[in-house]
Amino acid sequence: MTSPFESGLMHVIKRKALVEFWKKHADAQIPLAAWYHEAKSAVWNAPQDIKDRYRSADFLPGNRVLFNMGGNKYRLVVKIVYVPGVVYVRFVGTHAEYDRINAETI
């Protein structure tokens, strides 16, 4: 079996954070699950690869990316290490919760 690192696919760390969030916010399950499945099968070598698919994605310092989820009701912040292809879920929350964090350091 080929590992995500050998195949060029992204390896998403902390799926559990997504699952725990959508257990509390049922309407977040479909967009978060869809994002997770797309991310783990993606090949993101640079920010433009993400922007090509997610036009509303915002890029933050420290290789962090902000995704608006569920009609901008929820926010997802990830940190990406393009080589070897790792996506770390750093934050998932409501828009109000996002306003209380520093997305550049979380």
C-alpha atoms as a PDB file:
ATOM      1  CA  MET A   1       0.000   0.000   0.000  1.00  0.00           C
ATOM      2  CA  THR A   2       1.336   3.422  -0.930  1.00  0.00           C
ATOM      3  CA  SER A   3       1.543   6.000   1.851  1.00  0.00           C
ATOM      4  CA  PRO A   4       0.174   9.515   1.230  1.00  0.00           C
ATOM      5  CA  PHE A   5       3.754  10.798   1.331  1.00  0.00           C
ATOM      6  CA  GLU A   6       4.849   8.544  -1.521  1.00  0.00           C
ATOM      7  CA  SER A   7       1.779   9.133  -3.681  1.00  0.00           C
ATOM      8  CA  GLY A   8       1.900  12.939  -3.645  1.00  0.00           C
ATOM      9  CA  LEU A   9      -1.473  13.124  -1.885  1.00  0.00           C
ATOM     10  CA  MET A  10      -2.061  15.284   1.157  1.00  0.00           C
ATOM     11  CA  HIS A  11      -2.011  13.708   4.606  1.00  0.00           C
ATOM     12  CA  VAL A  12      -4.623  15.401   6.831  1.00  0.00           C
ATOM     13  CA  ILE A  13      -3.785  15.432  10.543  1.00  0.00           C
ATOM     14  CA  LYS A  14      -6.536  15.779  13.176  1.00  0.00           C
ATOM     15  CA  ARG A  15      -9.614  14.521  11.336  1.00  0.00           C
ATOM     16  CA  LYS A  16     -10.915  13.846  14.835  1.00  0.00           C
ATOM     17  CA  ALA A  17     -11.238  17.607  15.424  1.00  0.00           C
ATOM     18  CA  LEU A  18     -13.541  17.845  12.402  1.00  0.00           C
ATOM     19  CA  VAL A  19     -15.666  14.909  13.566  1.00  0.00           C
ATOM     20  CA  GLU A  20     -15.974  16.275  17.099  1.00  0.00           C
ATOM     21  CA  PHE A  21     -17.041  19.643  15.731  1.00  0.00           C
ATOM     22  CA  TRP A  22     -19.732  18.282  13.442  1.00  0.00           C
ATOM     23  CA  LYS A  23     -21.107  16.165  16.264  1.00  0.00           C
ATOM     24  CA  LYS A  24     -21.938  19.478  17.986  1.00  0.00           C
ATOM     25  CA  HIS A  25     -22.944  21.279  14.772  1.00  0.00           C
ATOM     26  CA  ALA A  26     -24.741  18.756  12.570  1.00  0.00           C
ATOM     27  CA  ASP A  27     -25.056  21.158   9.631  1.00  0.00           C
ATOM     28  CA  ALA A  28     -21.254  21.340   9.448  1.00  0.00           C
ATOM     29  CA  GLN A  29     -20.842  17.625   8.715  1.00  0.00           C
ATOM     30  CA  ILE A  30     -21.463  17.717   4.968  1.00  0.00           C
ATOM     31  CA  PRO A  31     -19.134  20.640   4.144  1.00  0.00           C
ATOM     32  CA  LEU A  32     -16.387  19.491   6.538  1.00  0.00           C
ATOM     33  CA  ALA A  33     -16.537  15.869   5.386  1.00  0.00           C
ATOM     34  CA  ALA A  34     -16.479  16.993   1.749  1.00  0.00           C
ATOM     35  CA  TRP A  35     -13.471  19.251   2.424  1.00  0.00           C
ATOM     36  CA  TYR A  36     -11.655  16.424   4.251  1.00  0.00           C
ATOM     37  CA  HIS A  37     -12.166  13.939   1.412  1.00  0.00           C
ATOM     38  CA  GLU A  38     -11.079  16.467  -1.186  1.00  0.00           C
ATOM     39  CA  ALA A  39      -8.049  17.553   0.830  1.00  0.00           C
ATOM     40  CA  LYS A  40      -6.749  14.046   1.466  1.00  0.00           C
ATOM     41  CA  SER A  41      -6.939  13.192  -2.224  1.00  0.00           C
ATOM     42  CA  ALA A  42      -5.518  16.526  -3.402  1.00  0.00           C
ATOM     43  CA  VAL A  43      -2.033  17.360  -4.546  1.00  0.00           C
ATOM     44  CA  TRP A  44      -1.248  20.821  -3.230  1.00  0.00           C
ATOM     45  CA  ASN A  45       2.254  21.885  -4.127  1.00  0.00           C
ATOM     46  CA  ALA A  46       1.694  25.612  -3.697  1.00  0.00           C
ATOM     47  CA  PRO A  47      -0.995  28.071  -2.543  1.00  0.00           C
ATOM     48  CA  GLN A  48      -2.214  28.513  -6.111  1.00  0.00           C
ATOM     49  CA  ASP A  49      -3.265  24.847  -6.199  1.00  0.00           C
ATOM     50  CA  ILE A  50      -5.630  25.560  -3.297  1.00  0.00           C
ATOM     51  CA  LYS A  51      -6.846  28.859  -4.748  1.00  0.00           C
ATOM     52  CA  ASP A  52      -7.687  27.118  -8.033  1.00  0.00           C
ATOM     53  CA  ARG A  53     -10.177  24.904  -6.172  1.00  0.00           C
ATOM     54  CA  TYR A  54     -11.238  27.152  -3.275  1.00  0.00           C
ATOM     55  CA  ARG A  55     -11.504  30.715  -4.570  1.00  0.00           C
ATOM     56  CA  SER A  56     -12.641  32.057  -1.194  1.00  0.00           C
ATOM     57  CA  ALA A  57      -9.662  30.563   0.688  1.00  0.00           C
ATOM     58  CA  ASP A  58      -7.561  33.153   2.472  1.00  0.00           C
ATOM     59  CA  PHE A  59      -3.843  32.703   2.977  1.00  0.00           C
ATOM     60  CA  LEU A  60      -2.313  33.695   6.290  1.00  0.00           C
ATOM     61  CA  PRO A  61       1.292  33.905   7.484  1.00  0.00           C
ATOM     62  CA  GLY A  62       2.960  30.659   8.511  1.00  0.00           C
ATOM     63  CA  ASN A  63       1.513  28.615   5.635  1.00  0.00           C
ATOM     64  CA  ARG A  64      -1.933  28.794   7.167  1.00  0.00           C
ATOM     65  CA  VAL A  65      -5.088  28.736   5.083  1.00  0.00           C
ATOM     66  CA  LEU A  66      -8.547  29.868   6.135  1.00  0.00           C
ATOM     67  CA  PHE A  67     -11.529  28.100   4.593  1.00  0.00           C
ATOM     68  CA  ASN A  68     -15.083  29.388   4.926  1.00  0.00           C
ATOM     69  CA  MET A  69     -17.355  26.426   5.492  1.00  0.00           C
ATOM     70  CA  GLY A  70     -21.115  25.961   5.482  1.00  0.00           C
ATOM     71  CA  GLY A  71     -21.996  29.229   3.767  1.00  0.00           C
ATOM     72  CA  ASN A  72     -19.419  31.162   5.824  1.00  0.00           C
ATOM     73  CA  LYS A  73     -21.070  30.022   9.069  1.00  0.00           C
ATOM     74  CA  TYR A  74     -17.976  28.064  10.096  1.00  0.00           C
ATOM     75  CA  ARG A  75     -14.244  28.595   9.746  1.00  0.00           C
ATOM     76  CA  LEU A  76     -11.482  26.064   9.237  1.00  0.00           C
ATOM     77  CA  VAL A  77      -7.823  27.001   9.670  1.00  0.00           C
ATOM     78  CA  VAL A  78      -5.136  24.594   8.543  1.00  0.00           C
ATOM     79  CA  LYS A  79      -1.379  24.757   8.407  1.00  0.00           C
ATOM     80  CA  ILE A  80       0.142  23.245   5.303  1.00  0.00           C
ATOM     81  CA  VAL A  81       3.572  21.784   4.780  1.00  0.00           C
ATOM     82  CA  TYR A  82       3.581  21.485   1.004  1.00  0.00           C
ATOM     83  CA  VAL A  83       6.536  19.093   0.989  1.00  0.00           C
ATOM     84  CA  PRO A  84       5.952  16.302   2.015  1.00  0.00           C
ATOM     85  CA  GLY A  85       2.228  17.151   1.746  1.00  0.00           C
ATOM     86  CA  VAL A  86       0.804  17.474   5.241  1.00  0.00           C
ATOM     87  CA  VAL A  87      -2.277  19.443   6.291  1.00  0.00           C
ATOM     88  CA  TYR A  88      -2.653  20.104  10.016  1.00  0.00           C
ATOM     89  CA  VAL A  89      -6.117  21.081  11.213  1.00  0.00           C
ATOM     90  CA  ARG A  90      -5.383  23.954  13.606  1.00  0.00           C
ATOM     91  CA  PHE A  91      -8.905  25.282  14.231  1.00  0.00           C
ATOM     92  CA  VAL A  92     -12.497  24.535  13.344  1.00  0.00           C
ATOM     93  CA  GLY A  93     -15.238  26.671  14.808  1.00  0.00           C
ATOM     94  CA  THR A  94     -18.040  29.105  14.343  1.00  0.00           C
ATOM     95  CA  HIS A  95     -17.478  32.506  12.841  1.00  0.00           C
ATOM     96  CA  ALA A  96     -17.793  34.054  16.333  1.00  0.00           C
ATOM     97  CA  GLU A  97     -15.226  31.608  17.793  1.00  0.00           C
ATOM     98  CA  TYR A  98     -12.855  32.419  14.942  1.00  0.00           C
ATOM     99  CA  ASP A  99     -13.063  36.115  15.805  1.00  0.00           C
ATOM    100  CA  ARG A 100     -11.624  35.302  19.257  1.00  0.00           C
ATOM    101  CA  ILE A 101      -8.466  33.504  18.070  1.00  0.00           C
ATOM    102  CA  ASN A 102      -5.276  34.537  16.357  1.00  0.00           C
ATOM    103  CA  ALA A 103      -5.374  32.421  13.213  1.00  0.00           C
ATOM    104  CA  GLU A 104      -1.750  33.273  12.437  1.00  0.00           C
ATOM    105  CA  THR A 105      -0.446  31.547  15.550  1.00  0.00           C
ATOM    106  CA  ILE A 106      -3.015  28.915  16.467  1.00  0.00           C
END
